[in-house]
């Protein structure tokens, strides 16, 4: 019997739907997007409207570089949870991947205030502005991202969106 621990020494039987969602989350974390979608596919139609299932499906689509489909789901998340940053981050990323970078900046700019607490917000804004040729604005966003999460400096060294800023980033010890 699969169970979810509620408190020490007690457990509740997990439903088949719960098991499938948890399995799909695990597959996404492993980068096994097709397997995750297989787990979700037998769920009843109404469960596919749940935020957690939408998020998993969205990540699967993004993992498969299916940007237009992923964008539609990300925008759905934005409307279902307008105060949550995830949908906005994902929608902007999909727009950028579709070559609609100015729209990506607009989506992030219009997102909830909770976005400004996320280092990825500043990092992605830095990348998008770099791609748009806004060097100083890009560097300002990136510096803030690096202050919030120093690990992003390592990622920036390999990010193709930042190729045009490589010299400036190195001179800023990024």
N, C-alpha and C. Protein backbone atom coordinates (compact mmCIF):
# COMPACT_ATOMS: atom_id res chain seq x y z
N UNK A 1 0.84 -1.19 0.00
CA UNK A 1 0.00 0.00 0.00
C UNK A 1 0.88 1.25 0.00
N UNK A 2 0.63 2.16 -0.93
CA UNK A 2 1.29 3.46 -0.93
C UNK A 2 0.59 4.35 0.07
N UNK A 3 1.36 5.11 0.81
CA UNK A 3 0.72 6.01 1.77
C UNK A 3 1.47 7.32 1.85
N UNK A 4 0.78 8.31 2.35
CA UNK A 4 1.36 9.62 2.60
C UNK A 4 1.40 9.79 4.11
N UNK A 5 2.57 10.11 4.64
CA UNK A 5 2.65 10.31 6.08
C UNK A 5 1.99 11.62 6.46
N UNK A 6 1.06 11.54 7.35
CA UNK A 6 0.36 12.72 7.84
C UNK A 6 1.07 13.21 9.11
N UNK A 7 1.23 12.32 10.07
CA UNK A 7 1.97 12.56 11.31
C UNK A 7 2.77 11.31 11.57
N UNK A 8 3.69 11.38 12.47
CA UNK A 8 4.43 10.16 12.78
C UNK A 8 3.49 9.02 13.13
N UNK A 9 3.79 7.86 12.60
CA UNK A 9 3.10 6.60 12.89
C UNK A 9 1.70 6.49 12.32
N UNK A 10 1.26 7.42 11.50
CA UNK A 10 -0.04 7.26 10.85
C UNK A 10 0.15 7.48 9.36
N UNK A 11 -0.69 6.88 8.59
CA UNK A 11 -0.65 7.13 7.15
C UNK A 11 -2.04 7.02 6.58
N UNK A 12 -2.21 7.69 5.46
CA UNK A 12 -3.49 7.73 4.78
C UNK A 12 -3.26 7.12 3.41
N UNK A 13 -4.16 6.28 2.99
CA UNK A 13 -4.02 5.67 1.67
C UNK A 13 -4.10 6.75 0.60
N UNK A 14 -3.14 6.71 -0.31
CA UNK A 14 -3.07 7.68 -1.40
C UNK A 14 -4.02 7.24 -2.52
N UNK A 15 -4.72 8.20 -3.10
CA UNK A 15 -5.59 7.86 -4.23
C UNK A 15 -4.72 7.61 -5.47
N UNK A 16 -5.28 6.98 -6.45
CA UNK A 16 -4.57 6.74 -7.71
C UNK A 16 -4.20 8.06 -8.37
N UNK A 17 -5.09 9.04 -8.32
CA UNK A 17 -4.80 10.35 -8.91
C UNK A 17 -3.64 11.03 -8.19
N UNK A 18 -3.63 10.99 -6.87
CA UNK A 18 -2.53 11.58 -6.11
C UNK A 18 -1.21 10.89 -6.45
N UNK A 19 -1.25 9.57 -6.55
CA UNK A 19 -0.05 8.82 -6.89
C UNK A 19 0.47 9.23 -8.26
N UNK A 20 -0.43 9.39 -9.22
CA UNK A 20 -0.03 9.78 -10.57
C UNK A 20 0.58 11.18 -10.60
N UNK A 21 -0.01 12.10 -9.86
CA UNK A 21 0.52 13.48 -9.82
C UNK A 21 1.90 13.50 -9.19
N UNK A 22 2.07 12.79 -8.09
CA UNK A 22 3.39 12.73 -7.44
C UNK A 22 4.41 12.07 -8.35
N UNK A 23 4.02 11.00 -9.01
CA UNK A 23 4.93 10.33 -9.94
C UNK A 23 5.32 11.27 -11.08
N UNK A 24 4.35 12.00 -11.60
CA UNK A 24 4.62 12.95 -12.69
C UNK A 24 5.59 14.04 -12.22
N UNK A 25 5.40 14.52 -11.00
CA UNK A 25 6.32 15.53 -10.46
C UNK A 25 7.74 14.96 -10.40
N UNK A 26 7.86 13.73 -9.96
CA UNK A 26 9.17 13.09 -9.90
C UNK A 26 9.81 12.96 -11.27
N UNK A 27 9.03 12.55 -12.24
CA UNK A 27 9.54 12.44 -13.60
C UNK A 27 10.02 13.79 -14.13
N UNK A 28 9.25 14.85 -13.86
CA UNK A 28 9.66 16.19 -14.29
C UNK A 28 11.00 16.56 -13.67
N UNK A 29 11.15 16.29 -12.38
CA UNK A 29 12.41 16.61 -11.70
C UNK A 29 13.59 15.85 -12.31
N UNK A 30 13.33 14.70 -12.87
CA UNK A 30 14.37 13.90 -13.52
C UNK A 30 14.54 14.25 -15.00
N UNK A 31 13.72 15.16 -15.50
CA UNK A 31 13.78 15.54 -16.91
C UNK A 31 13.13 14.52 -17.83
N UNK A 32 12.29 13.66 -17.28
CA UNK A 32 11.60 12.63 -18.07
C UNK A 32 10.18 13.10 -18.37
N UNK A 33 10.10 14.02 -19.31
CA UNK A 33 8.84 14.72 -19.57
C UNK A 33 7.79 13.84 -20.23
N UNK A 34 8.19 12.97 -21.12
CA UNK A 34 7.21 12.06 -21.75
C UNK A 34 6.59 11.14 -20.71
N UNK A 35 7.42 10.62 -19.80
CA UNK A 35 6.93 9.73 -18.75
C UNK A 35 5.95 10.47 -17.83
N UNK A 36 6.26 11.74 -17.55
CA UNK A 36 5.37 12.54 -16.71
C UNK A 36 4.00 12.69 -17.38
N UNK A 37 4.02 12.97 -18.66
CA UNK A 37 2.74 13.14 -19.38
C UNK A 37 1.94 11.85 -19.43
N UNK A 38 2.64 10.72 -19.53
CA UNK A 38 1.96 9.42 -19.52
C UNK A 38 1.25 9.22 -18.18
N UNK A 39 1.90 9.62 -17.10
CA UNK A 39 1.28 9.50 -15.77
C UNK A 39 0.02 10.35 -15.65
N UNK A 40 0.05 11.54 -16.24
CA UNK A 40 -1.09 12.46 -16.12
C UNK A 40 -2.24 12.13 -17.06
N UNK A 41 -1.94 11.50 -18.17
CA UNK A 41 -2.97 11.32 -19.20
C UNK A 41 -4.23 10.59 -18.74
N UNK A 42 -4.16 9.57 -17.87
CA UNK A 42 -5.41 8.91 -17.46
C UNK A 42 -6.26 9.68 -16.44
N UNK A 43 -5.75 10.80 -15.95
CA UNK A 43 -6.52 11.56 -14.96
C UNK A 43 -7.83 12.03 -15.57
N UNK A 44 -8.88 12.10 -14.76
CA UNK A 44 -10.16 12.63 -15.26
C UNK A 44 -9.98 14.07 -15.77
N UNK A 45 -10.78 14.44 -16.75
CA UNK A 45 -10.66 15.75 -17.40
C UNK A 45 -10.67 16.90 -16.40
N UNK A 46 -11.51 16.82 -15.37
CA UNK A 46 -11.58 17.93 -14.41
C UNK A 46 -10.28 18.11 -13.63
N UNK A 47 -9.50 17.06 -13.48
CA UNK A 47 -8.23 17.16 -12.75
C UNK A 47 -7.18 17.91 -13.57
N UNK A 48 -7.35 17.93 -14.88
CA UNK A 48 -6.40 18.65 -15.73
C UNK A 48 -6.56 20.17 -15.61
N UNK A 49 -7.58 20.61 -14.87
CA UNK A 49 -7.76 22.04 -14.60
C UNK A 49 -7.12 22.46 -13.28
N UNK A 50 -6.63 21.48 -12.52
CA UNK A 50 -5.97 21.80 -11.25
C UNK A 50 -4.64 22.48 -11.53
N UNK A 51 -4.29 23.45 -10.70
CA UNK A 51 -3.06 24.22 -10.89
C UNK A 51 -1.83 23.32 -10.90
N UNK A 52 -1.76 22.35 -9.98
CA UNK A 52 -0.57 21.50 -9.94
C UNK A 52 -0.42 20.67 -11.21
N UNK A 53 -1.53 20.20 -11.75
CA UNK A 53 -1.48 19.41 -12.99
C UNK A 53 -1.13 20.32 -14.17
N UNK A 54 -1.68 21.53 -14.19
CA UNK A 54 -1.33 22.49 -15.25
C UNK A 54 0.17 22.78 -15.20
N UNK A 55 0.70 23.00 -14.01
CA UNK A 55 2.13 23.32 -13.88
C UNK A 55 3.01 22.17 -14.38
N UNK A 56 2.65 20.95 -14.01
CA UNK A 56 3.44 19.80 -14.47
C UNK A 56 3.37 19.69 -15.99
N UNK A 57 2.18 19.81 -16.54
CA UNK A 57 2.01 19.73 -18.00
C UNK A 57 2.79 20.84 -18.69
N UNK A 58 2.74 22.03 -18.13
CA UNK A 58 3.48 23.17 -18.67
C UNK A 58 4.98 22.87 -18.71
N UNK A 59 5.52 22.36 -17.61
CA UNK A 59 6.95 22.03 -17.57
C UNK A 59 7.30 20.93 -18.58
N UNK A 60 6.40 20.00 -18.77
CA UNK A 60 6.63 18.95 -19.78
C UNK A 60 6.69 19.56 -21.18
N UNK A 61 5.78 20.45 -21.48
CA UNK A 61 5.77 21.11 -22.79
C UNK A 61 7.04 21.94 -22.98
N UNK A 62 7.43 22.66 -21.94
CA UNK A 62 8.66 23.45 -22.03
C UNK A 62 9.87 22.54 -22.21
N UNK A 63 9.89 21.44 -21.50
CA UNK A 63 10.99 20.49 -21.63
C UNK A 63 11.08 19.91 -23.03
N UNK A 64 9.94 19.83 -23.70
CA UNK A 64 9.90 19.34 -25.07
C UNK A 64 10.01 20.45 -26.11
N UNK A 65 10.29 21.67 -25.66
CA UNK A 65 10.44 22.83 -26.54
C UNK A 65 9.17 23.09 -27.35
N UNK A 66 8.05 22.81 -26.76
CA UNK A 66 6.76 23.05 -27.39
C UNK A 66 6.24 24.39 -26.86
N UNK A 67 6.89 25.46 -27.31
CA UNK A 67 6.73 26.78 -26.72
C UNK A 67 5.34 27.36 -26.87
N UNK A 68 4.72 27.22 -28.01
CA UNK A 68 3.39 27.81 -28.21
C UNK A 68 2.35 27.14 -27.31
N UNK A 69 2.39 25.83 -27.21
CA UNK A 69 1.46 25.11 -26.33
C UNK A 69 1.74 25.47 -24.86
N UNK A 70 3.02 25.55 -24.53
CA UNK A 70 3.40 25.89 -23.15
C UNK A 70 2.94 27.30 -22.82
N UNK A 71 3.07 28.22 -23.77
CA UNK A 71 2.63 29.60 -23.54
C UNK A 71 1.14 29.65 -23.20
N UNK A 72 0.34 28.90 -23.93
CA UNK A 72 -1.10 28.89 -23.66
C UNK A 72 -1.39 28.45 -22.23
N UNK A 73 -0.69 27.42 -21.76
CA UNK A 73 -0.90 26.96 -20.38
C UNK A 73 -0.36 27.97 -19.37
N UNK A 74 0.78 28.58 -19.67
CA UNK A 74 1.34 29.58 -18.76
C UNK A 74 0.40 30.76 -18.60
N UNK A 75 -0.18 31.20 -19.70
CA UNK A 75 -1.14 32.31 -19.63
C UNK A 75 -2.38 31.92 -18.84
N UNK A 76 -2.75 30.66 -18.96
CA UNK A 76 -3.88 30.15 -18.15
C UNK A 76 -3.53 30.22 -16.66
N UNK A 77 -2.31 29.85 -16.31
CA UNK A 77 -1.87 29.96 -14.92
C UNK A 77 -1.90 31.41 -14.45
N UNK A 78 -1.45 32.32 -15.31
CA UNK A 78 -1.47 33.74 -14.96
C UNK A 78 -2.88 34.20 -14.62
N UNK A 79 -3.86 33.74 -15.37
CA UNK A 79 -5.24 34.17 -15.11
C UNK A 79 -5.84 33.43 -13.91
N UNK A 80 -5.48 32.17 -13.71
CA UNK A 80 -6.01 31.42 -12.58
C UNK A 80 -5.37 31.84 -11.26
N UNK A 81 -4.10 32.21 -11.31
CA UNK A 81 -3.37 32.60 -10.10
C UNK A 81 -2.60 33.89 -10.35
N UNK A 82 -3.32 35.01 -10.45
CA UNK A 82 -2.67 36.26 -10.84
C UNK A 82 -1.66 36.81 -9.81
N UNK A 83 -1.68 36.30 -8.58
CA UNK A 83 -0.74 36.78 -7.58
C UNK A 83 0.48 35.86 -7.44
N UNK A 84 0.50 34.77 -8.17
CA UNK A 84 1.62 33.83 -8.13
C UNK A 84 2.59 34.13 -9.26
N UNK A 85 3.89 34.11 -8.99
CA UNK A 85 4.87 34.49 -10.00
C UNK A 85 5.14 33.43 -11.09
N UNK A 86 4.91 32.16 -10.80
CA UNK A 86 5.31 31.10 -11.71
C UNK A 86 4.77 31.21 -13.12
N UNK A 87 3.49 31.45 -13.26
CA UNK A 87 2.89 31.55 -14.58
C UNK A 87 3.52 32.67 -15.41
N UNK A 88 3.82 33.77 -14.77
CA UNK A 88 4.40 34.92 -15.47
C UNK A 88 5.84 34.62 -15.91
N UNK A 89 6.60 33.97 -15.04
CA UNK A 89 7.97 33.61 -15.40
C UNK A 89 7.97 32.66 -16.58
N UNK A 90 7.09 31.66 -16.52
CA UNK A 90 7.03 30.68 -17.61
C UNK A 90 6.49 31.29 -18.90
N UNK A 91 5.46 32.13 -18.79
CA UNK A 91 4.90 32.76 -19.99
C UNK A 91 5.95 33.63 -20.68
N UNK A 92 6.68 34.40 -19.88
CA UNK A 92 7.72 35.26 -20.46
C UNK A 92 8.80 34.42 -21.13
N UNK A 93 9.20 33.32 -20.49
CA UNK A 93 10.23 32.47 -21.07
C UNK A 93 9.77 31.89 -22.40
N UNK A 94 8.52 31.44 -22.44
CA UNK A 94 7.97 30.89 -23.69
C UNK A 94 7.94 31.96 -24.79
N UNK A 95 7.51 33.15 -24.44
CA UNK A 95 7.49 34.24 -25.42
C UNK A 95 8.91 34.50 -25.95
N UNK A 96 9.87 34.54 -25.05
CA UNK A 96 11.26 34.76 -25.47
C UNK A 96 11.72 33.66 -26.42
N UNK A 97 11.41 32.42 -26.09
CA UNK A 97 11.81 31.30 -26.94
C UNK A 97 11.11 31.35 -28.30
N UNK A 98 9.95 31.97 -28.34
CA UNK A 98 9.22 32.13 -29.60
C UNK A 98 9.69 33.36 -30.39
N UNK A 99 10.72 34.05 -29.86
CA UNK A 99 11.25 35.23 -30.53
C UNK A 99 10.46 36.49 -30.25
N UNK A 100 9.65 36.47 -29.22
CA UNK A 100 8.79 37.60 -28.87
C UNK A 100 9.29 38.22 -27.55
N UNK A 101 10.58 38.58 -27.55
CA UNK A 101 11.25 39.00 -26.33
C UNK A 101 10.69 40.29 -25.74
N UNK A 102 10.31 41.24 -26.57
CA UNK A 102 9.72 42.48 -26.04
C UNK A 102 8.42 42.17 -25.28
N UNK A 103 7.64 41.23 -25.79
CA UNK A 103 6.43 40.81 -25.09
C UNK A 103 6.76 40.11 -23.78
N UNK A 104 7.87 39.37 -23.76
CA UNK A 104 8.30 38.70 -22.54
C UNK A 104 8.58 39.73 -21.44
N UNK A 105 9.27 40.80 -21.81
CA UNK A 105 9.57 41.87 -20.85
C UNK A 105 8.26 42.48 -20.35
N UNK A 106 7.32 42.68 -21.23
CA UNK A 106 6.03 43.25 -20.86
C UNK A 106 5.28 42.35 -19.87
N UNK A 107 5.28 41.05 -20.13
CA UNK A 107 4.59 40.11 -19.23
C UNK A 107 5.21 40.15 -17.84
N UNK A 108 6.54 40.12 -17.77
CA UNK A 108 7.18 40.19 -16.46
C UNK A 108 6.94 41.53 -15.78
N UNK A 109 6.95 42.60 -16.54
CA UNK A 109 6.74 43.93 -15.98
C UNK A 109 5.34 44.09 -15.39
N UNK A 110 4.38 43.42 -15.99
CA UNK A 110 2.99 43.52 -15.53
C UNK A 110 2.64 42.48 -14.47
N UNK A 111 3.58 41.59 -14.18
CA UNK A 111 3.31 40.52 -13.22
C UNK A 111 3.15 41.02 -11.80
N UNK A 112 2.78 40.14 -10.89
CA UNK A 112 2.54 40.53 -9.50
C UNK A 112 3.82 40.97 -8.79
N UNK A 113 3.66 41.72 -7.73
CA UNK A 113 4.81 42.19 -6.95
C UNK A 113 5.65 41.03 -6.41
N UNK A 114 5.04 39.87 -6.22
CA UNK A 114 5.77 38.71 -5.70
C UNK A 114 6.91 38.29 -6.63
N UNK A 115 6.84 38.68 -7.89
CA UNK A 115 7.92 38.38 -8.83
C UNK A 115 9.24 39.01 -8.40
N UNK A 116 9.15 40.20 -7.82
CA UNK A 116 10.37 40.95 -7.47
C UNK A 116 11.14 40.32 -6.33
N UNK A 117 10.58 39.29 -5.71
CA UNK A 117 11.29 38.55 -4.67
C UNK A 117 12.06 37.37 -5.24
N UNK A 118 11.94 37.14 -6.53
CA UNK A 118 12.55 35.98 -7.19
C UNK A 118 13.79 36.39 -7.98
N UNK A 119 14.94 35.81 -7.67
CA UNK A 119 16.15 36.11 -8.45
C UNK A 119 15.98 35.84 -9.94
N UNK A 120 15.18 34.81 -10.29
CA UNK A 120 14.98 34.47 -11.69
C UNK A 120 14.28 35.60 -12.45
N UNK A 121 13.46 36.38 -11.75
CA UNK A 121 12.82 37.54 -12.39
C UNK A 121 13.90 38.49 -12.90
N UNK A 122 14.85 38.85 -12.04
CA UNK A 122 15.90 39.80 -12.41
C UNK A 122 16.84 39.19 -13.46
N UNK A 123 17.13 37.91 -13.31
CA UNK A 123 18.01 37.24 -14.26
C UNK A 123 17.37 37.23 -15.65
N UNK A 124 16.12 36.80 -15.71
CA UNK A 124 15.45 36.73 -17.02
C UNK A 124 15.28 38.12 -17.62
N UNK A 125 14.94 39.10 -16.80
CA UNK A 125 14.84 40.47 -17.33
C UNK A 125 16.20 40.92 -17.88
N UNK A 126 17.27 40.55 -17.19
CA UNK A 126 18.61 40.87 -17.68
C UNK A 126 18.88 40.22 -19.03
N UNK A 127 18.52 38.96 -19.15
CA UNK A 127 18.71 38.24 -20.42
C UNK A 127 17.87 38.87 -21.54
N UNK A 128 16.60 39.14 -21.24
CA UNK A 128 15.72 39.68 -22.26
C UNK A 128 16.20 41.05 -22.73
N UNK A 129 16.59 41.90 -21.79
CA UNK A 129 17.09 43.23 -22.16
C UNK A 129 18.40 43.12 -22.94
N UNK A 130 19.23 42.16 -22.62
CA UNK A 130 20.46 41.94 -23.40
C UNK A 130 20.11 41.61 -24.84
N UNK A 131 19.14 40.72 -25.01
CA UNK A 131 18.73 40.33 -26.36
C UNK A 131 18.11 41.49 -27.13
N UNK A 132 17.52 42.41 -26.41
CA UNK A 132 16.90 43.59 -27.04
C UNK A 132 17.91 44.72 -27.26
N UNK A 133 19.16 44.52 -26.79
CA UNK A 133 20.20 45.52 -26.98
C UNK A 133 20.24 46.60 -25.92
N UNK A 134 19.55 46.41 -24.83
CA UNK A 134 19.52 47.37 -23.72
C UNK A 134 20.59 46.97 -22.70
N UNK A 135 21.85 47.28 -23.02
CA UNK A 135 22.99 46.79 -22.25
C UNK A 135 22.97 47.25 -20.80
N UNK A 136 22.83 48.54 -20.57
CA UNK A 136 22.89 49.05 -19.19
C UNK A 136 21.74 48.51 -18.34
N UNK A 137 20.56 48.49 -18.91
CA UNK A 137 19.40 47.95 -18.20
C UNK A 137 19.63 46.47 -17.87
N UNK A 138 20.17 45.75 -18.84
CA UNK A 138 20.46 44.34 -18.65
C UNK A 138 21.44 44.13 -17.50
N UNK A 139 22.52 44.89 -17.50
CA UNK A 139 23.53 44.74 -16.44
C UNK A 139 22.96 45.07 -15.06
N UNK A 140 22.09 46.05 -14.99
CA UNK A 140 21.45 46.41 -13.71
C UNK A 140 20.61 45.24 -13.19
N UNK A 141 19.81 44.65 -14.07
CA UNK A 141 19.00 43.50 -13.66
C UNK A 141 19.89 42.33 -13.25
N UNK A 142 20.92 42.06 -14.02
CA UNK A 142 21.79 40.93 -13.71
C UNK A 142 22.52 41.13 -12.39
N UNK A 143 22.99 42.32 -12.13
CA UNK A 143 23.67 42.58 -10.85
C UNK A 143 22.73 42.29 -9.68
N UNK A 144 21.48 42.69 -9.81
CA UNK A 144 20.49 42.41 -8.74
C UNK A 144 20.27 40.90 -8.61
N UNK A 145 20.17 40.20 -9.72
CA UNK A 145 20.00 38.74 -9.68
C UNK A 145 21.17 38.09 -8.97
N UNK A 146 22.39 38.52 -9.28
CA UNK A 146 23.59 37.93 -8.68
C UNK A 146 23.67 38.23 -7.19
N UNK A 147 23.20 39.41 -6.78
CA UNK A 147 23.17 39.74 -5.36
C UNK A 147 22.22 38.80 -4.61
N UNK A 148 21.11 38.49 -5.25
CA UNK A 148 20.10 37.64 -4.62
C UNK A 148 20.48 36.17 -4.64
N UNK A 149 21.16 35.74 -5.69
CA UNK A 149 21.54 34.33 -5.84
C UNK A 149 22.85 34.25 -6.61
N UNK A 150 23.93 34.09 -5.88
CA UNK A 150 25.26 34.05 -6.49
C UNK A 150 25.46 32.91 -7.47
N UNK A 151 24.68 31.84 -7.35
CA UNK A 151 24.79 30.71 -8.29
C UNK A 151 24.44 31.12 -9.72
N UNK A 152 23.65 32.15 -9.85
CA UNK A 152 23.26 32.61 -11.19
C UNK A 152 24.46 33.13 -11.97
N UNK A 153 25.52 33.56 -11.29
CA UNK A 153 26.74 34.00 -11.99
C UNK A 153 27.31 32.87 -12.83
N UNK A 154 27.29 31.67 -12.28
CA UNK A 154 27.81 30.50 -13.01
C UNK A 154 26.97 30.22 -14.24
N UNK A 155 25.67 30.31 -14.07
CA UNK A 155 24.76 30.08 -15.19
C UNK A 155 24.97 31.13 -16.28
N UNK A 156 25.19 32.37 -15.86
CA UNK A 156 25.36 33.48 -16.81
C UNK A 156 26.56 33.27 -17.72
N UNK A 157 27.59 32.61 -17.21
CA UNK A 157 28.80 32.38 -18.01
C UNK A 157 28.55 31.52 -19.24
N UNK A 158 27.48 30.70 -19.17
CA UNK A 158 27.18 29.78 -20.28
C UNK A 158 25.91 30.17 -21.05
N UNK A 159 25.22 31.19 -20.59
CA UNK A 159 23.93 31.57 -21.18
C UNK A 159 24.15 32.29 -22.50
N UNK A 160 23.65 31.70 -23.57
CA UNK A 160 23.83 32.28 -24.91
C UNK A 160 23.12 33.62 -25.06
N UNK A 161 22.07 33.84 -24.27
CA UNK A 161 21.39 35.13 -24.32
C UNK A 161 22.31 36.27 -23.89
N UNK A 162 23.35 35.94 -23.14
CA UNK A 162 24.24 36.96 -22.61
C UNK A 162 25.56 37.05 -23.36
N UNK A 163 25.67 36.37 -24.50
CA UNK A 163 26.91 36.42 -25.28
C UNK A 163 27.33 37.85 -25.61
N UNK A 164 26.36 38.70 -25.90
CA UNK A 164 26.67 40.09 -26.27
C UNK A 164 27.22 40.89 -25.09
N UNK A 165 27.08 40.37 -23.89
CA UNK A 165 27.56 41.07 -22.69
C UNK A 165 28.76 40.39 -22.04
N UNK A 166 29.31 39.40 -22.72
CA UNK A 166 30.36 38.58 -22.10
C UNK A 166 31.47 39.44 -21.50
N UNK A 167 32.00 40.40 -22.23
CA UNK A 167 33.11 41.23 -21.75
C UNK A 167 32.68 42.06 -20.53
N UNK A 168 31.49 42.65 -20.59
CA UNK A 168 31.02 43.44 -19.47
C UNK A 168 30.79 42.59 -18.22
N UNK A 169 30.26 41.40 -18.41
CA UNK A 169 30.03 40.52 -17.26
C UNK A 169 31.34 40.10 -16.62
N UNK A 170 32.34 39.81 -17.43
CA UNK A 170 33.64 39.42 -16.89
C UNK A 170 34.30 40.59 -16.16
N UNK A 171 34.13 41.81 -16.67
CA UNK A 171 34.72 42.96 -16.00
C UNK A 171 33.99 43.30 -14.70
N UNK A 172 32.73 42.84 -14.58
CA UNK A 172 31.97 43.02 -13.34
C UNK A 172 32.15 41.82 -12.42
N UNK A 173 33.10 40.95 -12.73
CA UNK A 173 33.38 39.74 -11.95
C UNK A 173 32.18 38.84 -11.85
N UNK A 174 31.37 38.82 -12.91
CA UNK A 174 30.21 37.94 -12.92
C UNK A 174 30.66 36.59 -13.38
